[in-house]
Amino acid sequence: MFVWSYWKTIFTSPASPSNEFCLSKSDKEQYEKEERPESQQEILRKAAKDLPIYTTTASRAIRYCDRCQLIKPDRCHHCSACDLCVLKMDHHCPWVNNCVGFSNYKFFLLFLFYSLLYCLFVAATVLQYFIKFWTNELLDTRAKFHVLFLFFVAAMFFISILSLFSYHCWLVGKNRSTIEAFRAPMFRNGPDKNGFSLGCSKNLREVFGDEKKYWLLPVFTSLGDGSNFPTRLVNMDPEQLTVSSQNEPAKSSGPSQPFPTRPLSESQNRLLANENQWPEVSSEEENVKSDVKKHIIVTLES
């Protein structure tokens, strides 16, 4: 299982965005001719209005890769080592000489898990000989160095892999990549590290799949296509909601607002099916609307 997972992590090609995220020939020519960033962003907004994209750059611009000449899907990043955009990129791992992303993230986790068990097995089997060496009861002097070296190597790798595996288990529970843990994705309402989190159970299923019998096997069972992820709204306080409801009463998704208010409805993703994902938001919006109405009535009366 250790070798199988390692093999799959190395030789599984990183998933790249589909052709729907590439600009058309006319848009690409127009984009290259434009010199002003505002005009280029207008072209990208028109091209991205029908795409499932809900994150932007820190400056509220469309995430576009000039190298690959495509609009980046959510959680997609360009890897300079592989020279391509990788879906749900986590990091480029030099130990496997490959990018860890949507297509092989499960294999990478299993590789860490089985490496951990392998190091634990080696350390446990050598422990009795290490104790004999420590108490000078090991008779064969030629094996002393080998026992000492093997035990310390297994123990050191176990500790280092345990810390890395624990960190990635925490990331899976939070539904974050390593990049998102250091730099929160920017949604319409601001940055939110938990923007893609659906709860620990659903986050786990998103990586390992619905069928638990395949969780420990290095076969691809992750949910989704790597380009479209269920998200949740960034938490906002009532004052921000009041301001946004006053400034944007229509909440249209025109050129100036290419991203919908509610990123992904329950009917668009089965991870959100059979649950009311937005009751708190709806009640909060109703309270805001009622407060605004009361404020208008009081103003008119005065």
Protein backbone atom coordinates (compact mmCIF):
# COMPACT_ATOMS: atom_id res chain seq x y z
CA MET A 1 0.00 0.00 0.00
CA PHE A 2 2.91 2.30 0.77
CA VAL A 3 4.49 1.72 -2.66
CA TRP A 4 1.13 1.90 -4.42
CA SER A 5 0.28 5.24 -2.81
CA TYR A 6 3.75 6.60 -3.54
CA TRP A 7 3.48 5.48 -7.16
CA LYS A 8 0.07 7.08 -7.63
CA THR A 9 1.24 10.35 -6.04
CA ILE A 10 4.22 10.55 -8.39
CA PHE A 11 2.66 9.46 -11.68
CA THR A 12 -0.79 11.02 -11.43
CA SER A 13 -0.70 14.09 -13.64
CA PRO A 14 -1.93 17.32 -12.06
CA ALA A 15 -5.44 18.24 -13.20
CA SER A 16 -5.66 21.41 -15.30
CA PRO A 17 -8.68 23.64 -16.04
CA SER A 18 -10.93 22.63 -18.92
CA ASN A 19 -11.26 24.58 -22.16
CA GLU A 20 -14.32 26.48 -20.90
CA PHE A 21 -11.97 28.63 -18.79
CA CYS A 22 -9.87 29.61 -21.81
CA LEU A 23 -10.64 32.84 -23.61
CA SER A 24 -12.10 32.67 -27.07
CA LYS A 25 -9.89 33.65 -29.97
CA SER A 26 -11.56 37.04 -30.36
CA ASP A 27 -11.45 37.78 -26.62
CA LYS A 28 -7.81 36.74 -26.46
CA GLU A 29 -6.87 39.04 -29.34
CA GLN A 30 -8.82 41.91 -27.82
CA TYR A 31 -7.25 41.26 -24.42
CA GLU A 32 -3.73 41.35 -25.87
CA LYS A 33 -4.43 44.57 -27.78
CA GLU A 34 -5.74 46.40 -24.73
CA GLU A 35 -3.09 48.21 -22.69
CA ARG A 36 -5.26 49.52 -19.86
CA PRO A 37 -5.86 47.05 -17.00
CA GLU A 38 -9.45 48.35 -16.64
CA SER A 39 -10.30 47.39 -20.20
CA GLN A 40 -8.64 44.00 -19.81
CA GLN A 41 -10.66 43.34 -16.66
CA GLU A 42 -13.85 44.26 -18.49
CA ILE A 43 -13.06 41.62 -21.11
CA LEU A 44 -12.36 39.04 -18.41
CA ARG A 45 -15.59 39.91 -16.58
CA LYS A 46 -17.65 39.29 -19.69
CA ALA A 47 -15.88 35.99 -20.30
CA ALA A 48 -16.27 34.87 -16.67
CA LYS A 49 -19.91 35.84 -16.13
CA ASP A 50 -21.16 32.31 -16.94
CA LEU A 51 -18.32 30.45 -15.22
CA PRO A 52 -18.57 28.98 -11.67
CA ILE A 53 -16.07 31.46 -10.23
CA TYR A 54 -16.62 33.15 -6.86
CA THR A 55 -13.12 34.21 -5.78
CA THR A 56 -11.04 37.13 -6.96
CA THR A 57 -7.64 38.65 -6.36
CA ALA A 58 -7.02 40.90 -3.38
CA SER A 59 -7.75 43.90 -5.63
CA ARG A 60 -11.15 42.44 -6.68
CA ALA A 61 -9.85 41.53 -10.14
CA ILE A 62 -10.57 38.37 -12.13
CA ARG A 63 -7.88 35.74 -11.52
CA TYR A 64 -6.25 35.34 -14.93
CA CYS A 65 -3.08 33.40 -15.79
CA ASP A 66 -1.06 35.16 -18.46
CA ARG A 67 1.20 32.13 -18.79
CA CYS A 68 -1.56 29.59 -19.51
CA GLN A 69 -3.91 32.26 -20.95
CA LEU A 70 -6.98 31.15 -19.04
CA ILE A 71 -9.26 32.34 -16.27
CA LYS A 72 -8.33 30.54 -13.09
CA PRO A 73 -11.09 28.50 -11.44
CA ASP A 74 -11.54 28.76 -7.68
CA ARG A 75 -8.60 27.26 -5.74
CA CYS A 76 -6.55 26.93 -8.93
CA HIS A 77 -2.98 28.26 -8.99
CA HIS A 78 -0.11 28.30 -11.46
CA CYS A 79 2.87 26.10 -10.58
CA SER A 80 6.14 27.56 -11.80
CA ALA A 81 7.90 24.18 -11.50
CA CYS A 82 5.34 22.28 -13.60
CA ASP A 83 4.57 25.37 -15.72
CA LEU A 84 0.81 24.85 -15.71
CA CYS A 85 -2.27 25.80 -13.72
CA VAL A 86 -3.22 23.08 -11.22
CA LEU A 87 -6.76 22.57 -9.96
CA LYS A 88 -7.05 22.92 -6.17
CA MET A 89 -3.29 23.20 -5.91
CA ASP A 90 -1.90 22.43 -2.48
CA HIS A 91 1.87 22.63 -3.06
CA HIS A 92 4.65 21.36 -5.29
CA CYS A 93 6.33 18.48 -3.48
CA PRO A 94 10.02 17.89 -4.31
CA TRP A 95 9.92 14.44 -2.63
CA VAL A 96 7.52 13.15 -5.29
CA ASN A 97 8.62 15.61 -8.00
CA ASN A 98 5.01 16.46 -8.71
CA CYS A 99 2.32 18.96 -7.86
CA VAL A 100 -0.11 17.90 -5.15
CA GLY A 101 -3.58 19.01 -6.10
CA PHE A 102 -7.10 17.84 -6.81
CA SER A 103 -6.13 14.76 -8.84
CA ASN A 104 -3.65 13.27 -6.35
CA TYR A 105 -4.28 14.88 -2.96
CA LYS A 106 -5.94 11.72 -1.62
CA PHE A 107 -2.95 9.66 -2.80
CA PHE A 108 -0.58 12.06 -1.06
CA LEU A 109 -2.47 11.73 2.23
CA LEU A 110 -2.44 7.94 1.96
CA PHE A 111 1.28 8.03 1.15
CA LEU A 112 1.90 9.96 4.38
CA PHE A 113 -0.36 7.60 6.33
CA TYR A 114 1.31 4.40 5.12
CA SER A 115 4.77 5.96 5.50
CA LEU A 116 3.85 6.66 9.10
CA LEU A 117 2.78 3.06 9.67
CA TYR A 118 5.90 1.75 7.94
CA CYS A 119 8.24 3.83 10.10
CA LEU A 120 6.32 2.79 13.20
CA PHE A 121 6.61 -0.87 12.23
CA VAL A 122 10.38 -0.61 11.63
CA ALA A 123 10.97 1.23 14.90
CA ALA A 124 8.83 -1.25 16.85
CA THR A 125 10.59 -4.32 15.45
CA VAL A 126 14.06 -2.88 16.06
CA LEU A 127 13.21 -1.58 19.54
CA GLN A 128 14.07 -4.81 21.39
CA TYR A 129 17.51 -4.95 19.75
CA PHE A 130 18.05 -1.26 20.50
CA ILE A 131 17.30 -1.94 24.18
CA LYS A 132 19.79 -4.82 24.16
CA PHE A 133 22.35 -2.56 22.54
CA TRP A 134 21.72 0.11 25.17
CA THR A 135 22.14 -2.41 28.01
CA ASN A 136 25.19 -4.05 26.36
CA GLU A 137 23.36 -7.35 25.91
CA LEU A 138 23.70 -7.42 22.12
CA LEU A 139 26.41 -10.02 21.44
CA ASP A 140 27.02 -9.45 17.74
CA THR A 141 29.16 -6.32 17.64
CA ARG A 142 28.91 -5.98 13.84
CA ALA A 143 25.14 -5.40 14.06
CA LYS A 144 25.29 -2.68 16.70
CA PHE A 145 25.78 0.18 14.27
CA HIS A 146 23.06 -1.10 11.92
CA VAL A 147 20.53 -1.44 14.76
CA LEU A 148 21.35 2.02 16.09
CA PHE A 149 21.15 3.63 12.64
CA LEU A 150 17.92 1.88 11.65
CA PHE A 151 16.12 2.77 14.87
CA PHE A 152 17.06 6.45 14.81
CA VAL A 153 16.23 6.85 11.11
CA ALA A 154 12.82 5.22 11.58
CA ALA A 155 12.12 7.30 14.71
CA MET A 156 13.15 10.59 13.08
CA PHE A 157 11.12 9.95 9.95
CA PHE A 158 8.15 8.92 12.09
CA ILE A 159 8.23 12.21 14.03
CA SER A 160 8.65 14.38 10.93
CA ILE A 161 5.97 12.55 8.92
CA LEU A 162 3.62 12.59 11.91
CA SER A 163 3.79 16.38 12.09
CA LEU A 164 3.21 16.74 8.33
CA PHE A 165 0.37 14.20 8.31
CA SER A 166 -1.30 15.85 11.32
CA TYR A 167 -1.12 19.23 9.60
CA HIS A 168 -2.74 17.91 6.43
CA CYS A 169 -5.45 16.13 8.45
CA TRP A 170 -6.20 19.51 10.01
CA LEU A 171 -6.33 21.08 6.54
CA VAL A 172 -8.76 18.39 5.33
CA GLY A 173 -10.99 18.99 8.35
CA LYS A 174 -11.04 22.72 7.54
CA ASN A 175 -11.26 22.15 3.76
CA ARG A 176 -8.22 24.29 3.06
CA SER A 177 -5.16 23.86 0.92
CA THR A 178 -1.71 24.80 2.12
CA ILE A 179 -1.89 27.95 -0.01
CA GLU A 180 -5.27 28.90 1.45
CA ALA A 181 -4.00 28.34 4.98
CA PHE A 182 -1.40 31.08 4.44
CA ARG A 183 -3.49 33.31 2.15
CA ALA A 184 -7.25 33.31 2.56
CA PRO A 185 -9.28 33.21 -0.67
CA MET A 186 -11.03 36.46 -1.52
CA PHE A 187 -14.79 36.18 -1.88
CA ARG A 188 -17.32 38.85 -2.78
CA ASN A 189 -17.70 39.87 0.87
CA GLY A 190 -13.99 39.69 1.72
CA PRO A 191 -11.31 37.11 2.56
CA ASP A 192 -12.39 33.98 4.41
CA LYS A 193 -10.20 30.97 5.20
CA ASN A 194 -13.32 28.92 5.97
CA GLY A 195 -15.15 29.89 2.80
CA PHE A 196 -15.04 26.36 1.39
CA SER A 197 -15.64 24.56 4.69
CA LEU A 198 -18.89 22.56 4.91
CA GLY A 199 -18.22 20.87 8.24
CA CYS A 200 -15.67 18.21 9.11
CA SER A 201 -17.70 15.25 7.82
CA LYS A 202 -18.48 16.79 4.42
CA ASN A 203 -14.95 18.13 4.08
CA LEU A 204 -13.65 14.60 4.59
CA ARG A 205 -16.05 13.20 2.03
CA GLU A 206 -15.01 15.84 -0.48
CA VAL A 207 -11.47 14.42 -0.49
CA PHE A 208 -12.08 10.70 0.13
CA GLY A 209 -15.51 10.21 -1.43
CA ASP A 210 -18.83 8.84 -0.24
CA GLU A 211 -17.91 5.15 0.00
CA LYS A 212 -15.78 4.46 3.07
CA LYS A 213 -14.59 1.09 1.75
CA TYR A 214 -12.36 2.95 -0.73
CA TRP A 215 -10.94 5.49 1.70
CA LEU A 216 -7.74 3.53 2.46
CA LEU A 217 -7.18 2.46 -1.15
CA PRO A 218 -5.15 4.70 -3.49
CA VAL A 219 -7.92 4.93 -6.08
CA PHE A 220 -9.48 8.23 -7.09
CA THR A 221 -12.78 8.79 -5.23
CA SER A 222 -12.74 12.54 -4.58
CA LEU A 223 -15.99 14.39 -5.23
CA GLY A 224 -16.39 17.11 -7.82
CA ASP A 225 -14.49 18.10 -10.93
CA GLY A 226 -11.81 20.29 -9.32
CA SER A 227 -13.20 23.47 -10.88
CA ASN A 228 -16.47 23.92 -9.01
CA PHE A 229 -16.64 23.77 -5.21
CA PRO A 230 -19.54 24.31 -2.81
CA THR A 231 -18.90 27.40 -0.75
CA ARG A 232 -20.53 29.37 2.00
CA LEU A 233 -20.98 33.10 2.47
CA VAL A 234 -18.43 35.09 4.40
CA ASN A 235 -19.91 36.03 7.76
CA MET A 236 -20.91 39.69 7.87
CA ASP A 237 -22.20 41.80 10.69
CA PRO A 238 -25.65 43.45 10.45
CA GLU A 239 -24.17 46.89 9.76
CA GLN A 240 -22.31 45.61 6.70
CA LEU A 241 -25.44 43.83 5.50
CA THR A 242 -27.48 47.03 5.97
CA VAL A 243 -24.98 49.06 3.97
CA SER A 244 -24.82 46.46 1.22
CA SER A 245 -28.62 46.15 1.07
CA GLN A 246 -28.94 49.96 0.77
CA ASN A 247 -26.18 50.35 -1.80
CA GLU A 248 -27.15 47.27 -3.85
CA PRO A 249 -30.92 46.92 -3.65
CA ALA A 250 -31.26 45.00 -6.89
CA LYS A 251 -28.29 42.68 -6.32
CA SER A 252 -27.89 42.23 -10.04
CA SER A 253 -24.99 40.35 -11.54
CA GLY A 254 -24.04 42.76 -14.30
CA PRO A 255 -20.55 43.70 -15.49
CA SER A 256 -19.73 45.54 -12.27
CA GLN A 257 -20.78 42.54 -10.16
CA PRO A 258 -19.77 39.33 -11.93
CA PHE A 259 -20.17 37.12 -8.85
CA PRO A 260 -23.53 36.05 -7.42
CA THR A 261 -24.36 36.76 -3.79
CA ARG A 262 -24.90 33.11 -2.91
CA PRO A 263 -21.98 31.15 -4.33
CA LEU A 264 -23.57 27.72 -4.79
CA SER A 265 -27.12 26.67 -4.13
CA GLU A 266 -28.12 23.36 -2.59
CA SER A 267 -29.39 22.04 -5.91
CA GLN A 268 -26.03 22.59 -7.60
CA ASN A 269 -23.96 20.26 -5.44
CA ARG A 270 -24.86 17.01 -3.72
CA LEU A 271 -22.68 17.83 -0.72
CA LEU A 272 -25.25 20.51 0.10
CA ALA A 273 -28.28 18.39 -0.74
CA ASN A 274 -30.90 17.50 1.86
CA GLU A 275 -29.80 20.30 4.13
CA ASN A 276 -30.84 23.90 4.60
CA GLN A 277 -27.50 25.57 4.20
CA TRP A 278 -28.67 29.15 4.50
CA PRO A 279 -31.26 29.49 7.30
CA GLU A 280 -29.16 31.85 9.39
CA VAL A 281 -28.36 34.08 6.44
CA SER A 282 -32.00 34.26 5.37
CA SER A 283 -33.23 35.19 8.84
CA GLU A 284 -30.47 37.77 9.16
CA GLU A 285 -31.41 39.34 5.84
CA GLU A 286 -35.08 39.44 6.89
CA ASN A 287 -34.15 41.18 10.14
CA VAL A 288 -32.08 43.72 8.21
CA LYS A 289 -34.93 44.38 5.79
CA SER A 290 -37.39 44.87 8.65
CA ASP A 291 -34.97 47.26 10.39
CA VAL A 292 -34.59 49.26 7.17
CA LYS A 293 -38.38 49.46 6.78
CA LYS A 294 -38.79 50.65 10.38
CA HIS A 295 -36.10 53.27 9.81
CA ILE A 296 -37.88 54.54 6.68
CA ILE A 297 -41.26 54.70 8.48
CA VAL A 298 -39.77 56.65 11.41
CA THR A 299 -38.09 59.06 8.99
CA LEU A 300 -41.32 59.69 7.10
CA GLU A 301 -43.29 60.26 10.29
CA SER A 302 -40.74 62.73 11.62
